[in-house]
Amino acid sequence: MELLRRYSNHHSLVTPLVRVLRRIEAGDQSGVSAVQSAPPSLRWLSGRLSAGDRERMTEQYLAGDTAPALAERYNISLKSVRRILREGRARKRA
């Protein structure tokens, strides 16, 4: 009910919500499809970068390339590069 209260000022949102709640109360499962969560970004990355690419990236980083340079080279975000390097346990030694 808290959800209804929050959306009560938005008729376009509350009407479909009320319909769904009524179907739930009635036990109606017709037309129900499985809800799929958004794929994790790592799965998305694996579609763009092969395991070999990720290994090469780690090797290049350990050989002296910077994370921003790798991000530009592989056309991915710096955050994704850092995630790949962390998963590959890549640490530059001092």
Protein backbone atom coordinates (compact mmCIF):
# COMPACT_ATOMS: atom_id res chain seq x y z
CA MET A 1 0.00 0.00 0.00
CA GLU A 2 2.94 2.32 0.59
CA LEU A 3 3.75 1.94 -3.08
CA LEU A 4 0.24 3.03 -4.05
CA ARG A 5 0.47 6.06 -1.78
CA ARG A 6 3.72 7.17 -3.38
CA TYR A 7 2.30 6.87 -6.90
CA SER A 8 -1.22 8.08 -6.12
CA ASN A 9 -0.61 11.43 -7.79
CA HIS A 10 0.43 9.76 -11.03
CA HIS A 11 -2.69 8.29 -12.59
CA SER A 12 -0.75 6.87 -15.53
CA LEU A 13 1.38 4.89 -13.07
CA VAL A 14 -1.16 3.88 -10.48
CA THR A 15 -3.73 2.36 -12.85
CA PRO A 16 -1.44 -0.41 -14.18
CA LEU A 17 -0.17 -1.00 -10.64
CA VAL A 18 -3.71 -1.47 -9.31
CA ARG A 19 -4.44 -3.94 -12.13
CA VAL A 20 -1.39 -5.98 -11.24
CA LEU A 21 -2.26 -5.95 -7.54
CA ARG A 22 -5.78 -7.18 -8.32
CA ARG A 23 -4.37 -9.99 -10.46
CA ILE A 24 -2.01 -10.97 -7.65
CA GLU A 25 -4.83 -11.02 -5.12
CA ALA A 26 -6.95 -13.16 -7.47
CA GLY A 27 -4.06 -15.56 -8.11
CA ASP A 28 -4.22 -14.84 -11.83
CA GLN A 29 -0.92 -15.77 -13.47
CA SER A 30 -2.03 -15.64 -17.08
CA GLY A 31 0.32 -13.75 -19.29
CA VAL A 32 3.02 -13.76 -16.63
CA SER A 33 6.53 -13.83 -17.96
CA ALA A 34 9.70 -14.30 -16.00
CA VAL A 35 11.34 -11.15 -14.81
CA GLN A 36 14.93 -10.95 -15.88
CA SER A 37 17.43 -8.83 -14.08
CA ALA A 38 19.79 -6.62 -15.99
CA PRO A 39 22.91 -8.50 -16.97
CA PRO A 40 25.95 -7.71 -14.88
CA SER A 41 28.38 -5.41 -16.59
CA LEU A 42 30.99 -8.15 -16.56
CA ARG A 43 28.81 -10.26 -18.84
CA TRP A 44 28.49 -7.25 -21.08
CA LEU A 45 32.24 -6.86 -21.06
CA SER A 46 32.79 -10.51 -21.89
CA GLY A 47 30.73 -9.95 -25.03
CA ARG A 48 33.01 -7.10 -26.05
CA LEU A 49 36.32 -8.46 -24.79
CA SER A 50 37.43 -12.05 -25.06
CA ALA A 51 39.26 -13.78 -22.25
CA GLY A 52 42.42 -13.36 -24.34
CA ASP A 53 41.84 -9.61 -24.58
CA ARG A 54 41.47 -9.40 -20.81
CA GLU A 55 44.69 -11.39 -20.33
CA ARG A 56 46.55 -9.17 -22.82
CA MET A 57 45.23 -6.10 -21.03
CA THR A 58 46.58 -7.41 -17.73
CA GLU A 59 49.95 -8.22 -19.33
CA GLN A 60 50.14 -4.76 -20.92
CA TYR A 61 49.34 -3.14 -17.60
CA LEU A 62 52.05 -5.12 -15.83
CA ALA A 63 54.46 -4.21 -18.64
CA GLY A 64 53.94 -0.52 -17.91
CA ASP A 65 50.83 0.69 -19.75
CA THR A 66 48.51 2.90 -17.72
CA ALA A 67 44.88 2.08 -17.03
CA PRO A 68 43.63 5.20 -18.90
CA ALA A 69 45.71 4.19 -21.95
CA LEU A 70 44.20 0.70 -21.86
CA ALA A 71 40.69 2.13 -21.54
CA GLU A 72 41.26 4.19 -24.66
CA ARG A 73 42.90 1.33 -26.57
CA TYR A 74 40.11 -1.15 -25.80
CA ASN A 75 37.37 1.49 -26.02
CA ILE A 76 35.98 0.77 -22.56
CA SER A 77 35.64 2.84 -19.41
CA LEU A 78 38.42 3.30 -16.91
CA LYS A 79 36.21 1.65 -14.30
CA SER A 80 35.91 -1.46 -16.52
CA VAL A 81 39.68 -1.59 -16.99
CA ARG A 82 40.22 -1.40 -13.25
CA ARG A 83 37.65 -4.16 -12.69
CA ILE A 84 39.38 -6.41 -15.23
CA LEU A 85 42.79 -5.70 -13.68
CA ARG A 86 41.46 -6.39 -10.18
CA GLU A 87 39.93 -9.71 -11.32
CA GLY A 88 43.22 -10.60 -12.99
CA ARG A 89 44.95 -9.71 -9.74
CA ALA A 90 47.25 -7.32 -11.62
CA ARG A 91 49.36 -5.27 -9.24
CA LYS A 92 52.34 -3.23 -10.33
CA ARG A 93 55.32 -3.70 -8.08
CA ALA A 94 57.06 -0.67 -6.68
